[in-house]
Amino acid sequence: MTPEEAKHRQLTIVRAQAYAELFGRKPDAFFASHQLKGAANGADFIDVFVYPMEMEGVDGPVCAAITNGMSDQRMAEGDDPGQPRRRELIQYLRKCTPGHAKRLRDMAWLPLHDGFLLDSHHSIAWDWSAVEGTPWKNAFFLPPLITPHAKFTVEIEGEPMSFLWHIPISDGERAFKQQQGSGALLDRMQELGLPWIFDEANRPSLVE
C-alpha cells in the first residue's frame, strides 16, 4: 500500500463517520476511485458516496452524491489566505449513474492536478458531459442550498473541510457567466427556478 492510499483510508474513516451523522445513515451506493479514474489520472484517490434523501415536498427519489478524497490534499492558495483549501463536492440527483460519479470525481481531481483553488462562484470548462449528447458539460460551484449541508464541516488534518455544490452548465451558460459575472448567472437561475435536483431531461437553459 502506498503512503497516499494509507492516508486516504485513514481520512475516509473520518469523513464517512461525519457523512453518516449528517445523513443519518450509511451510503446506499459507493463508486471506488479505481472505478472512476483513467490511467493517466495519477495517484489521487477520490471515491463517490451516494446517500438517499427524503425531502418534504419533493416527489420521487432524490440522492446526494458526495466525493471522498478531494480533501486528502490542500488545494493551492488563492488570493485570500482565508479561503477554504479543503473541499469535497456534492450534487443532488434523481439517480447517480457511474457517469455522474465519474464526472464528479473528475471535477474534484482537476484543481489538485492543475494546482488551482476551487471556490464558490467559480466555474470549470470540461469537454465531456455526464450523459452523452447533453449540453451540460461545464461546471459552476456554489455553497449547497440545503442548510445542514451548507453548514457542514469536518476537521481534516487540522483544517475544516466543507462542501461545494456542483452545478452542470452549458458552454453558453459559462460564456454568459464569464461575460456578465456570476451574479448575473445566479439571477438567471432564480428567475427560471433552476431545479436544485439535477436531471438532464428536465433542465431548462439559462440563456437563449
N, C-alpha and C. Protein backbone atom coordinates (compact mmCIF):
# COMPACT_ATOMS: atom_id res chain seq x y z
N MET A 1 0.84 -1.20 0.00
CA MET A 1 0.00 0.00 0.00
C MET A 1 0.88 1.25 0.00
N THR A 2 0.57 2.19 -0.86
CA THR A 2 1.33 3.43 -0.94
C THR A 2 0.97 4.35 0.23
N PRO A 3 1.86 5.30 0.54
CA PRO A 3 1.51 6.27 1.60
C PRO A 3 0.24 7.05 1.27
N GLU A 4 0.02 7.36 -0.01
CA GLU A 4 -1.19 8.09 -0.42
C GLU A 4 -2.45 7.28 -0.15
N GLU A 5 -2.39 5.98 -0.44
CA GLU A 5 -3.56 5.13 -0.20
C GLU A 5 -3.81 4.97 1.30
N ALA A 6 -2.74 4.81 2.07
CA ALA A 6 -2.89 4.67 3.52
C ALA A 6 -3.52 5.93 4.12
N LYS A 7 -3.07 7.08 3.66
CA LYS A 7 -3.64 8.35 4.14
C LYS A 7 -5.11 8.45 3.75
N HIS A 8 -5.44 8.07 2.51
CA HIS A 8 -6.82 8.13 2.05
C HIS A 8 -7.72 7.24 2.90
N ARG A 9 -7.26 6.05 3.20
CA ARG A 9 -8.08 5.14 4.02
C ARG A 9 -8.31 5.72 5.41
N GLN A 10 -7.27 6.31 5.99
CA GLN A 10 -7.40 6.88 7.33
C GLN A 10 -8.39 8.04 7.33
N LEU A 11 -8.29 8.93 6.33
CA LEU A 11 -9.17 10.09 6.28
C LEU A 11 -10.58 9.71 5.84
N THR A 12 -10.71 8.62 5.09
CA THR A 12 -12.05 8.14 4.72
C THR A 12 -12.86 7.77 5.96
N ILE A 13 -12.21 7.18 6.95
CA ILE A 13 -12.91 6.83 8.19
C ILE A 13 -13.49 8.09 8.83
N VAL A 14 -12.71 9.15 8.85
CA VAL A 14 -13.16 10.41 9.45
C VAL A 14 -14.34 10.98 8.67
N ARG A 15 -14.20 11.04 7.34
CA ARG A 15 -15.26 11.63 6.53
C ARG A 15 -16.51 10.76 6.54
N ALA A 16 -16.36 9.45 6.42
CA ALA A 16 -17.51 8.56 6.38
C ALA A 16 -18.33 8.66 7.65
N GLN A 17 -17.67 8.78 8.80
CA GLN A 17 -18.39 8.93 10.06
C GLN A 17 -19.15 10.26 10.08
N ALA A 18 -18.51 11.32 9.60
CA ALA A 18 -19.17 12.63 9.57
C ALA A 18 -20.34 12.63 8.59
N TYR A 19 -20.17 12.00 7.43
CA TYR A 19 -21.26 11.91 6.45
C TYR A 19 -22.44 11.11 7.04
N ALA A 20 -22.13 10.03 7.73
CA ALA A 20 -23.19 9.20 8.31
C ALA A 20 -23.99 9.99 9.34
N GLU A 21 -23.32 10.82 10.12
CA GLU A 21 -24.02 11.66 11.09
C GLU A 21 -24.88 12.70 10.38
N LEU A 22 -24.38 13.25 9.29
CA LEU A 22 -25.12 14.27 8.54
C LEU A 22 -26.39 13.69 7.93
N PHE A 23 -26.29 12.50 7.33
CA PHE A 23 -27.43 11.91 6.62
C PHE A 23 -28.21 10.91 7.46
N GLY A 24 -27.66 10.54 8.61
CA GLY A 24 -28.36 9.61 9.48
C GLY A 24 -28.36 8.19 8.98
N ARG A 25 -27.44 7.86 8.12
CA ARG A 25 -27.40 6.51 7.55
C ARG A 25 -26.09 6.30 6.79
N LYS A 26 -25.84 5.06 6.41
CA LYS A 26 -24.71 4.75 5.54
C LYS A 26 -25.11 4.97 4.08
N PRO A 27 -24.14 5.14 3.19
CA PRO A 27 -24.49 5.30 1.77
C PRO A 27 -25.10 4.03 1.21
N ASP A 28 -25.98 4.19 0.22
CA ASP A 28 -26.55 3.00 -0.41
C ASP A 28 -25.86 2.67 -1.72
N ALA A 29 -24.88 3.49 -2.11
CA ALA A 29 -24.06 3.18 -3.29
C ALA A 29 -22.67 3.78 -3.07
N PHE A 30 -21.69 3.14 -3.66
CA PHE A 30 -20.30 3.56 -3.49
C PHE A 30 -19.56 3.32 -4.80
N PHE A 31 -18.91 4.36 -5.31
CA PHE A 31 -18.09 4.25 -6.51
C PHE A 31 -16.64 4.45 -6.08
N ALA A 32 -15.84 3.39 -6.16
CA ALA A 32 -14.45 3.45 -5.72
C ALA A 32 -13.59 4.21 -6.72
N SER A 33 -12.53 4.79 -6.21
CA SER A 33 -11.63 5.60 -7.03
C SER A 33 -11.15 4.85 -8.26
N HIS A 34 -10.78 3.58 -8.10
CA HIS A 34 -10.22 2.85 -9.24
C HIS A 34 -11.26 2.61 -10.34
N GLN A 35 -12.55 2.71 -9.99
CA GLN A 35 -13.60 2.57 -10.99
C GLN A 35 -13.81 3.85 -11.80
N LEU A 36 -13.35 4.97 -11.26
CA LEU A 36 -13.69 6.27 -11.83
C LEU A 36 -12.55 6.96 -12.55
N LYS A 37 -11.32 6.69 -12.18
CA LYS A 37 -10.22 7.44 -12.78
C LYS A 37 -9.64 6.72 -13.98
N GLY A 38 -9.05 7.51 -14.89
CA GLY A 38 -8.40 6.96 -16.05
C GLY A 38 -6.96 6.60 -15.75
N ALA A 39 -6.31 5.97 -16.70
CA ALA A 39 -4.94 5.50 -16.50
C ALA A 39 -3.96 6.65 -16.28
N ALA A 40 -4.30 7.84 -16.81
CA ALA A 40 -3.38 8.98 -16.72
C ALA A 40 -3.69 9.90 -15.55
N ASN A 41 -4.58 9.49 -14.64
CA ASN A 41 -5.06 10.37 -13.58
C ASN A 41 -4.20 10.37 -12.32
N GLY A 42 -3.06 9.71 -12.34
CA GLY A 42 -2.15 9.80 -11.21
C GLY A 42 -2.57 8.98 -10.01
N ALA A 43 -2.01 9.35 -8.85
CA ALA A 43 -2.18 8.55 -7.63
C ALA A 43 -3.27 9.08 -6.71
N ASP A 44 -4.07 10.04 -7.17
CA ASP A 44 -5.12 10.59 -6.32
C ASP A 44 -6.21 9.56 -6.08
N PHE A 45 -6.73 9.51 -4.85
CA PHE A 45 -7.81 8.59 -4.50
C PHE A 45 -9.06 9.41 -4.18
N ILE A 46 -10.02 9.38 -5.09
CA ILE A 46 -11.27 10.11 -4.89
C ILE A 46 -12.43 9.18 -5.23
N ASP A 47 -13.20 8.81 -4.22
CA ASP A 47 -14.37 7.97 -4.38
C ASP A 47 -15.62 8.85 -4.42
N VAL A 48 -16.77 8.22 -4.65
CA VAL A 48 -18.05 8.92 -4.57
C VAL A 48 -19.02 8.08 -3.74
N PHE A 49 -19.57 8.67 -2.69
CA PHE A 49 -20.61 8.06 -1.87
C PHE A 49 -21.96 8.61 -2.31
N VAL A 50 -23.01 7.78 -2.25
CA VAL A 50 -24.35 8.21 -2.63
C VAL A 50 -25.31 7.93 -1.47
N TYR A 51 -25.98 9.00 -1.02
CA TYR A 51 -26.89 8.91 0.11
C TYR A 51 -28.31 9.23 -0.34
N PRO A 52 -29.28 8.33 -0.10
CA PRO A 52 -30.68 8.67 -0.38
C PRO A 52 -31.14 9.79 0.55
N MET A 53 -32.04 10.63 0.04
CA MET A 53 -32.55 11.74 0.83
C MET A 53 -34.08 11.73 0.80
N GLU A 54 -34.68 12.03 1.92
CA GLU A 54 -36.12 12.20 2.00
C GLU A 54 -36.38 13.67 2.27
N MET A 55 -36.98 14.35 1.28
CA MET A 55 -37.21 15.78 1.37
C MET A 55 -38.69 16.07 1.35
N GLU A 56 -39.16 16.81 2.33
CA GLU A 56 -40.57 17.18 2.38
C GLU A 56 -40.93 18.02 1.16
N GLY A 57 -42.03 17.65 0.51
CA GLY A 57 -42.49 18.38 -0.67
C GLY A 57 -41.82 17.99 -1.96
N VAL A 58 -40.93 17.02 -1.93
CA VAL A 58 -40.24 16.58 -3.14
C VAL A 58 -40.71 15.17 -3.48
N ASP A 59 -41.29 15.01 -4.66
CA ASP A 59 -41.77 13.71 -5.10
C ASP A 59 -40.65 12.94 -5.80
N GLY A 60 -40.71 11.64 -5.66
CA GLY A 60 -39.74 10.80 -6.36
C GLY A 60 -38.43 10.68 -5.62
N PRO A 61 -37.54 9.82 -6.12
CA PRO A 61 -36.26 9.60 -5.46
C PRO A 61 -35.32 10.79 -5.60
N VAL A 62 -34.55 11.03 -4.55
CA VAL A 62 -33.52 12.07 -4.54
C VAL A 62 -32.31 11.50 -3.81
N CYS A 63 -31.14 11.79 -4.32
CA CYS A 63 -29.93 11.36 -3.62
C CYS A 63 -28.88 12.47 -3.67
N ALA A 64 -27.97 12.40 -2.74
CA ALA A 64 -26.81 13.30 -2.71
C ALA A 64 -25.58 12.46 -3.03
N ALA A 65 -24.87 12.85 -4.08
CA ALA A 65 -23.60 12.21 -4.43
C ALA A 65 -22.48 13.10 -3.89
N ILE A 66 -21.55 12.50 -3.15
CA ILE A 66 -20.52 13.28 -2.46
C ILE A 66 -19.16 12.64 -2.72
N THR A 67 -18.19 13.48 -3.05
CA THR A 67 -16.83 12.95 -3.23
C THR A 67 -16.19 12.65 -1.88
N ASN A 68 -15.24 11.74 -1.93
CA ASN A 68 -14.49 11.34 -0.74
C ASN A 68 -13.03 11.20 -1.13
N GLY A 69 -12.25 12.24 -0.86
CA GLY A 69 -10.83 12.17 -1.17
C GLY A 69 -10.25 13.47 -1.71
N MET A 70 -11.08 14.36 -2.20
CA MET A 70 -10.58 15.66 -2.65
C MET A 70 -9.85 16.37 -1.51
N SER A 71 -10.38 16.23 -0.29
CA SER A 71 -9.80 16.93 0.86
C SER A 71 -8.61 16.19 1.47
N ASP A 72 -8.19 15.08 0.86
CA ASP A 72 -6.94 14.46 1.30
C ASP A 72 -5.78 15.44 1.14
N GLN A 73 -5.91 16.34 0.16
CA GLN A 73 -4.88 17.32 -0.12
C GLN A 73 -5.42 18.73 0.04
N ARG A 74 -4.53 19.65 0.37
CA ARG A 74 -4.89 21.07 0.38
C ARG A 74 -4.78 21.58 -1.06
N MET A 75 -5.77 22.35 -1.48
CA MET A 75 -5.68 22.99 -2.77
C MET A 75 -4.67 24.14 -2.71
N ALA A 76 -4.31 24.66 -3.88
CA ALA A 76 -3.41 25.80 -3.95
C ALA A 76 -4.02 26.99 -3.22
N GLU A 77 -3.16 27.87 -2.73
CA GLU A 77 -3.64 29.05 -2.02
C GLU A 77 -4.19 30.06 -3.01
N GLY A 78 -5.33 30.69 -2.66
CA GLY A 78 -5.93 31.69 -3.53
C GLY A 78 -5.48 33.09 -3.17
N ASP A 79 -6.17 34.09 -3.72
CA ASP A 79 -5.83 35.49 -3.45
C ASP A 79 -6.06 35.85 -1.99
N ASP A 80 -7.06 35.22 -1.40
CA ASP A 80 -7.38 35.46 0.01
C ASP A 80 -6.88 34.28 0.83
N PRO A 81 -5.91 34.49 1.72
CA PRO A 81 -5.38 33.37 2.52
C PRO A 81 -6.45 32.67 3.36
N GLY A 82 -7.59 33.35 3.59
CA GLY A 82 -8.63 32.75 4.40
C GLY A 82 -9.58 31.84 3.64
N GLN A 83 -9.41 31.73 2.33
CA GLN A 83 -10.29 30.86 1.55
C GLN A 83 -10.07 29.40 1.92
N PRO A 84 -11.15 28.63 2.03
CA PRO A 84 -11.00 27.20 2.36
C PRO A 84 -10.18 26.47 1.31
N ARG A 85 -9.31 25.60 1.78
CA ARG A 85 -8.46 24.83 0.85
C ARG A 85 -8.70 23.33 0.94
N ARG A 86 -9.66 22.93 1.78
CA ARG A 86 -10.08 21.52 1.86
C ARG A 86 -11.57 21.48 1.53
N ARG A 87 -11.91 20.81 0.45
CA ARG A 87 -13.29 20.75 -0.01
C ARG A 87 -13.63 19.33 -0.45
N GLU A 88 -14.93 19.04 -0.45
CA GLU A 88 -15.49 17.90 -1.15
C GLU A 88 -16.69 18.42 -1.93
N LEU A 89 -17.02 17.75 -3.03
CA LEU A 89 -18.11 18.19 -3.90
C LEU A 89 -19.38 17.40 -3.60
N ILE A 90 -20.52 18.07 -3.74
CA ILE A 90 -21.82 17.45 -3.55
C ILE A 90 -22.72 17.80 -4.72
N GLN A 91 -23.55 16.85 -5.13
CA GLN A 91 -24.51 17.09 -6.21
C GLN A 91 -25.78 16.32 -5.89
N TYR A 92 -26.92 16.91 -6.25
CA TYR A 92 -28.22 16.31 -5.98
C TYR A 92 -28.80 15.77 -7.28
N LEU A 93 -29.21 14.51 -7.25
CA LEU A 93 -29.66 13.80 -8.45
C LEU A 93 -30.87 12.94 -8.13
N ARG A 94 -31.58 12.56 -9.18
CA ARG A 94 -32.62 11.54 -9.01
C ARG A 94 -31.97 10.17 -8.84
N LYS A 95 -30.94 9.91 -9.63
CA LYS A 95 -30.17 8.67 -9.53
C LYS A 95 -28.74 8.96 -9.96
N CYS A 96 -27.80 8.54 -9.17
CA CYS A 96 -26.39 8.75 -9.51
C CYS A 96 -25.89 7.58 -10.34
N THR A 97 -25.64 7.83 -11.61
CA THR A 97 -25.10 6.81 -12.50
C THR A 97 -23.58 6.78 -12.41
N PRO A 98 -22.94 5.74 -12.94
CA PRO A 98 -21.47 5.77 -12.99
C PRO A 98 -20.93 6.99 -13.73
N GLY A 99 -21.66 7.46 -14.76
CA GLY A 99 -21.24 8.66 -15.48
C GLY A 99 -21.27 9.90 -14.60
N HIS A 100 -22.33 10.04 -13.81
CA HIS A 100 -22.40 11.18 -12.89
C HIS A 100 -21.26 11.10 -11.86
N ALA A 101 -21.01 9.91 -11.34
CA ALA A 101 -19.97 9.75 -10.33
C ALA A 101 -18.60 10.06 -10.90
N LYS A 102 -18.33 9.62 -12.14
CA LYS A 102 -17.03 9.90 -12.75
C LYS A 102 -16.85 11.39 -12.99
N ARG A 103 -17.90 12.04 -13.45
CA ARG A 103 -17.80 13.48 -13.68
C ARG A 103 -17.52 14.22 -12.37
N LEU A 104 -18.21 13.85 -11.30
CA LEU A 104 -17.99 14.49 -10.01
C LEU A 104 -16.56 14.25 -9.54
N ARG A 105 -16.10 13.04 -9.72
CA ARG A 105 -14.72 12.72 -9.35
C ARG A 105 -13.72 13.55 -10.16
N ASP A 106 -13.98 13.69 -11.48
CA ASP A 106 -13.08 14.46 -12.34
C ASP A 106 -13.03 15.92 -11.92
N MET A 107 -14.18 16.50 -11.55
CA MET A 107 -14.22 17.89 -11.10
C MET A 107 -13.43 18.06 -9.80
N ALA A 108 -13.47 17.06 -8.93
CA ALA A 108 -12.72 17.12 -7.67
C ALA A 108 -11.22 16.94 -7.89
N TRP A 109 -10.88 16.15 -8.89
CA TRP A 109 -9.47 15.86 -9.18
C TRP A 109 -8.76 17.01 -9.85
N LEU A 110 -9.46 17.76 -10.70
CA LEU A 110 -8.81 18.76 -11.56
C LEU A 110 -8.05 19.83 -10.78
N PRO A 111 -8.63 20.48 -9.75
CA PRO A 111 -7.85 21.50 -9.04
C PRO A 111 -6.62 20.95 -8.34
N LEU A 112 -6.66 19.69 -7.93
CA LEU A 112 -5.48 19.08 -7.31
C LEU A 112 -4.41 18.83 -8.36
N HIS A 113 -4.84 18.37 -9.54
CA HIS A 113 -3.90 18.05 -10.61
C HIS A 113 -3.30 19.31 -11.24
N ASP A 114 -4.15 20.33 -11.47
CA ASP A 114 -3.70 21.54 -12.15
C ASP A 114 -3.24 22.64 -11.20
N GLY A 115 -3.38 22.43 -9.92
CA GLY A 115 -2.84 23.36 -8.95
C GLY A 115 -3.55 24.69 -8.85
N PHE A 116 -4.88 24.67 -8.76
CA PHE A 116 -5.61 25.92 -8.55
C PHE A 116 -6.61 25.74 -7.42
N LEU A 117 -7.09 26.86 -6.91
CA LEU A 117 -8.07 26.84 -5.82
C LEU A 117 -9.47 26.88 -6.42
N LEU A 118 -10.31 25.92 -6.07
CA LEU A 118 -11.71 25.89 -6.48
C LEU A 118 -12.55 26.40 -5.33
N ASP A 119 -13.37 27.43 -5.61
CA ASP A 119 -14.17 28.03 -4.54
C ASP A 119 -15.56 28.36 -5.09
N SER A 120 -16.43 28.83 -4.22
CA SER A 120 -17.77 29.22 -4.60
C SER A 120 -17.75 30.29 -5.69
N HIS A 121 -18.69 30.18 -6.64
CA HIS A 121 -18.85 31.08 -7.78
C HIS A 121 -17.80 30.86 -8.87
N HIS A 122 -16.95 29.86 -8.70
CA HIS A 122 -16.00 29.52 -9.76
C HIS A 122 -16.66 28.57 -10.76
N SER A 123 -16.09 28.50 -11.95
CA SER A 123 -16.57 27.56 -12.96
C SER A 123 -15.39 26.82 -13.57
N ILE A 124 -15.70 25.66 -14.13
CA ILE A 124 -14.69 24.82 -14.80
C ILE A 124 -15.20 24.46 -16.19
N ALA A 125 -14.34 24.63 -17.18
CA ALA A 125 -14.66 24.18 -18.53
C ALA A 125 -14.29 22.71 -18.65
N TRP A 126 -15.14 21.94 -19.31
CA TRP A 126 -14.91 20.49 -19.46
C TRP A 126 -15.42 20.06 -20.84
N ASP A 127 -14.82 19.06 -21.40
CA ASP A 127 -15.15 18.66 -22.77
C ASP A 127 -16.23 17.58 -22.85
N TRP A 128 -16.58 16.98 -21.72
CA TRP A 128 -17.50 15.84 -21.77
C TRP A 128 -18.63 16.04 -20.76
N SER A 129 -19.81 15.68 -21.15
CA SER A 129 -20.95 15.70 -20.23
C SER A 129 -21.11 14.34 -19.58
N ALA A 130 -21.81 14.34 -18.44
CA ALA A 130 -22.02 13.07 -17.74
C ALA A 130 -22.91 12.14 -18.56
N VAL A 131 -23.82 12.72 -19.34
CA VAL A 131 -24.68 11.95 -20.22
C VAL A 131 -24.43 12.42 -21.65
N GLU A 132 -23.94 11.51 -22.48
CA GLU A 132 -23.56 11.87 -23.85
C GLU A 132 -24.74 12.48 -24.60
N GLY A 133 -24.45 13.55 -25.33
CA GLY A 133 -25.47 14.20 -26.13
C GLY A 133 -26.17 15.35 -25.43
N THR A 134 -25.89 15.56 -24.14
CA THR A 134 -26.49 16.68 -23.42
C THR A 134 -25.48 17.83 -23.37
N PRO A 135 -25.97 19.08 -23.26
CA PRO A 135 -25.06 20.23 -23.33
C PRO A 135 -24.41 20.62 -22.02
N TRP A 136 -24.70 19.92 -20.94
CA TRP A 136 -24.26 20.35 -19.61
C TRP A 136 -22.86 19.82 -19.32
N LYS A 137 -21.87 20.33 -20.04
CA LYS A 137 -20.51 19.81 -19.96
C LYS A 137 -19.69 20.50 -18.87
N ASN A 138 -19.89 21.79 -18.69
CA ASN A 138 -19.07 22.58 -17.78
C ASN A 138 -19.66 22.56 -16.37
N ALA A 139 -19.01 23.25 -15.45
CA ALA A 139 -19.48 23.20 -14.06
C ALA A 139 -19.40 24.57 -13.41
N PHE A 140 -20.37 24.84 -12.55
CA PHE A 140 -20.45 26.05 -11.74
C PHE A 140 -20.59 25.57 -10.29
N PHE A 141 -19.98 26.31 -9.35
CA PHE A 141 -19.95 25.85 -7.97
C PHE A 141 -20.48 26.92 -7.02
N LEU A 142 -21.29 26.47 -6.07
CA LEU A 142 -21.89 27.33 -5.06
C LEU A 142 -21.92 26.61 -3.72
N PRO A 143 -22.17 27.32 -2.61
CA PRO A 143 -22.47 26.63 -1.36
C PRO A 143 -23.78 25.85 -1.53
N PRO A 144 -23.92 24.71 -0.89
CA PRO A 144 -25.18 23.95 -1.00
C PRO A 144 -26.38 24.78 -0.55
N LEU A 145 -27.52 24.54 -1.20
CA LEU A 145 -28.76 25.22 -0.84
C LEU A 145 -29.34 24.69 0.47
N ILE A 146 -29.12 23.41 0.74
CA ILE A 146 -29.68 22.78 1.94
C ILE A 146 -28.84 23.17 3.15
N THR A 147 -29.48 23.81 4.12
CA THR A 147 -28.75 24.45 5.22
C THR A 147 -27.78 23.52 5.96
N PRO A 148 -28.20 22.31 6.37
CA PRO A 148 -27.23 21.45 7.07
C PRO A 148 -26.00 21.11 6.21
N HIS A 149 -26.19 21.03 4.90
CA HIS A 149 -25.06 20.73 4.02
C HIS A 149 -24.16 21.96 3.85
N ALA A 150 -24.79 23.15 3.84
CA ALA A 150 -24.00 24.38 3.73
C ALA A 150 -23.18 24.63 4.99
N LYS A 151 -23.73 24.23 6.15
CA LYS A 151 -23.04 24.46 7.42
C LYS A 151 -22.08 23.34 7.80
N PHE A 152 -22.12 22.24 7.06
CA PHE A 152 -21.34 21.05 7.41
C PHE A 152 -19.84 21.34 7.31
N THR A 153 -19.11 20.95 8.33
CA THR A 153 -17.65 20.94 8.31
C THR A 153 -17.15 19.73 9.09
N VAL A 154 -15.99 19.26 8.71
CA VAL A 154 -15.31 18.22 9.47
C VAL A 154 -13.82 18.53 9.40
N GLU A 155 -13.11 18.27 10.47
CA GLU A 155 -11.70 18.60 10.51
C GLU A 155 -10.87 17.53 9.82
N ILE A 156 -10.09 17.96 8.85
CA ILE A 156 -9.19 17.07 8.11
C ILE A 156 -7.77 17.59 8.29
N GLU A 157 -6.95 16.82 8.99
CA GLU A 157 -5.56 17.20 9.27
C GLU A 157 -5.47 18.62 9.84
N GLY A 158 -6.39 18.92 10.78
CA GLY A 158 -6.34 20.20 11.48
C GLY A 158 -6.99 21.36 10.76
N GLU A 159 -7.61 21.10 9.59
CA GLU A 159 -8.26 22.17 8.83
C GLU A 159 -9.72 21.81 8.57
N PRO A 160 -10.61 22.80 8.52
CA PRO A 160 -12.01 22.50 8.23
C PRO A 160 -12.23 22.15 6.76
N MET A 161 -13.00 21.11 6.53
CA MET A 161 -13.41 20.74 5.18
C MET A 161 -14.90 21.03 5.05
N SER A 162 -15.30 21.58 3.92
CA SER A 162 -16.71 21.89 3.67
C SER A 162 -17.08 21.51 2.25
N PHE A 163 -18.37 21.60 1.93
CA PHE A 163 -18.88 21.18 0.63
C PHE A 163 -18.94 22.34 -0.37
N LEU A 164 -18.74 22.01 -1.63
CA LEU A 164 -19.10 22.87 -2.75
C LEU A 164 -20.15 22.13 -3.57
N TRP A 165 -21.20 22.84 -3.93
CA TRP A 165 -22.29 22.26 -4.73
C TRP A 165 -21.95 22.34 -6.20
N HIS A 166 -21.93 21.21 -6.86
CA HIS A 166 -21.59 21.10 -8.28
C HIS A 166 -22.86 21.24 -9.12
N ILE A 167 -22.86 22.24 -10.03
CA ILE A 167 -24.00 22.50 -10.91
C ILE A 167 -23.51 22.44 -12.36
N PRO A 168 -23.91 21.43 -13.12
CA PRO A 168 -23.50 21.37 -14.53
C PRO A 168 -24.13 22.51 -15.34
N ILE A 169 -23.33 23.13 -16.21
CA ILE A 169 -23.81 24.20 -17.06
C ILE A 169 -23.32 23.98 -18.49
N SER A 170 -23.94 24.67 -19.43
CA SER A 170 -23.60 24.54 -20.85
C SER A 170 -22.48 25.51 -21.23
N ASP A 171 -21.99 25.36 -22.46
CA ASP A 171 -20.99 26.31 -22.97
C ASP A 171 -21.55 27.73 -22.97
N GLY A 172 -22.81 27.88 -23.42
CA GLY A 172 -23.43 29.19 -23.47
C GLY A 172 -23.59 29.81 -22.10
N GLU A 173 -23.94 28.99 -21.11
CA GLU A 173 -24.11 29.49 -19.75
C GLU A 173 -22.77 29.89 -19.13
N ARG A 174 -21.74 29.13 -19.42
CA ARG A 174 -20.41 29.50 -18.91
C ARG A 174 -19.94 30.79 -19.57
N ALA A 175 -20.18 30.93 -20.88
CA ALA A 175 -19.80 32.17 -21.57
C ALA A 175 -20.56 33.36 -20.98
N PHE A 176 -21.84 33.18 -20.68
CA PHE A 176 -22.65 34.23 -20.07
C PHE A 176 -22.07 34.62 -18.71
N LYS A 177 -21.67 33.62 -17.92
CA LYS A 177 -21.09 33.89 -16.61
C LYS A 177 -19.77 34.65 -16.75
N GLN A 178 -18.96 34.29 -17.74
CA GLN A 178 -17.68 34.97 -17.94
C GLN A 178 -17.89 36.42 -18.38
N GLN A 179 -18.91 36.65 -19.20
CA GLN A 179 -19.17 37.99 -19.74
C GLN A 179 -19.92 38.87 -18.75
N GLN A 180 -20.92 38.30 -18.07
CA GLN A 180 -21.81 39.09 -17.22
C GLN A 180 -21.50 38.97 -15.73
N GLY A 181 -20.75 37.95 -15.36
CA GLY A 181 -20.42 37.74 -13.97
C GLY A 181 -21.29 36.67 -13.33
N SER A 182 -20.80 36.12 -12.23
CA SER A 182 -21.53 35.03 -11.58
C SER A 182 -22.86 35.52 -11.00
N GLY A 183 -22.93 36.79 -10.59
CA GLY A 183 -24.17 37.32 -10.06
C GLY A 183 -25.29 37.30 -11.09
N ALA A 184 -24.95 37.60 -12.34
CA ALA A 184 -25.95 37.58 -13.41
C ALA A 184 -26.43 36.16 -13.66
N LEU A 185 -25.52 35.18 -13.58
CA LEU A 185 -25.92 33.79 -13.76
C LEU A 185 -26.82 33.35 -12.61
N LEU A 186 -26.50 33.76 -11.40
CA LEU A 186 -27.36 33.44 -10.26
C LEU A 186 -28.74 34.05 -10.42
N ASP A 187 -28.81 35.27 -10.94
CA ASP A 187 -30.11 35.90 -11.19
C ASP A 187 -30.93 35.07 -12.17
N ARG A 188 -30.29 34.57 -13.21
CA ARG A 188 -30.99 33.75 -14.20
C ARG A 188 -31.47 32.44 -13.57
N MET A 189 -30.66 31.86 -12.71
CA MET A 189 -31.06 30.64 -12.01
C MET A 189 -32.31 30.88 -11.18
N GLN A 190 -32.37 32.01 -10.51
CA GLN A 190 -33.53 32.32 -9.67
C GLN A 190 -34.75 32.66 -10.51
N GLU A 191 -34.55 33.43 -11.59
CA GLU A 191 -35.67 33.82 -12.45
C GLU A 191 -36.35 32.61 -13.07
N LEU A 192 -35.56 31.64 -13.49
CA LEU A 192 -36.10 30.47 -14.17
C LEU A 192 -36.40 29.31 -13.22
N GLY A 193 -36.08 29.50 -11.93
CA GLY A 193 -36.34 28.43 -10.97
C GLY A 193 -35.56 27.17 -11.29
N LEU A 194 -34.25 27.32 -11.50
CA LEU A 194 -33.43 26.15 -11.84
C LEU A 194 -33.57 25.07 -10.77
N PRO A 195 -33.99 23.86 -11.14
CA PRO A 195 -34.14 22.79 -10.14
C PRO A 195 -32.81 22.49 -9.44
N TRP A 196 -32.86 22.35 -8.12
CA TRP A 196 -31.63 22.00 -7.40
C TRP A 196 -31.29 20.53 -7.56
N ILE A 197 -32.28 19.73 -7.94
CA ILE A 197 -32.03 18.32 -8.25
C ILE A 197 -31.72 18.25 -9.75
N PHE A 198 -30.50 17.86 -10.08
CA PHE A 198 -30.09 17.88 -11.48
C PHE A 198 -30.67 16.70 -12.24
N ASP A 199 -31.31 17.02 -13.36
CA ASP A 199 -31.93 15.99 -14.21
C ASP A 199 -31.76 16.46 -15.65
N GLU A 200 -30.95 15.75 -16.42
CA GLU A 200 -30.68 16.17 -17.80
C GLU A 200 -31.94 16.30 -18.64
N ALA A 201 -32.95 15.51 -18.33
CA ALA A 201 -34.18 15.50 -19.13
C ALA A 201 -35.14 16.61 -18.71
N ASN A 202 -34.87 17.28 -17.60
CA ASN A 202 -35.79 18.32 -17.10
C ASN A 202 -34.96 19.47 -16.56
N ARG A 203 -34.15 20.03 -17.43
CA ARG A 203 -33.22 21.08 -17.02
C ARG A 203 -33.35 22.25 -18.01
N PRO A 204 -33.96 23.37 -17.58
CA PRO A 204 -34.11 24.50 -18.51
C PRO A 204 -32.78 25.18 -18.79
N SER A 205 -32.66 25.74 -20.00
CA SER A 205 -31.48 26.51 -20.33
C SER A 205 -31.56 27.88 -19.67
N LEU A 206 -30.46 28.38 -19.18
CA LEU A 206 -30.42 29.68 -18.51
C LEU A 206 -30.20 30.82 -19.48
N VAL A 207 -29.81 30.51 -20.70
CA VAL A 207 -29.57 31.53 -21.72
C VAL A 207 -30.26 31.09 -23.00
N GLU A 208 -30.63 32.05 -23.82
CA GLU A 208 -31.29 31.74 -25.09
C GLU A 208 -30.25 31.46 -26.16
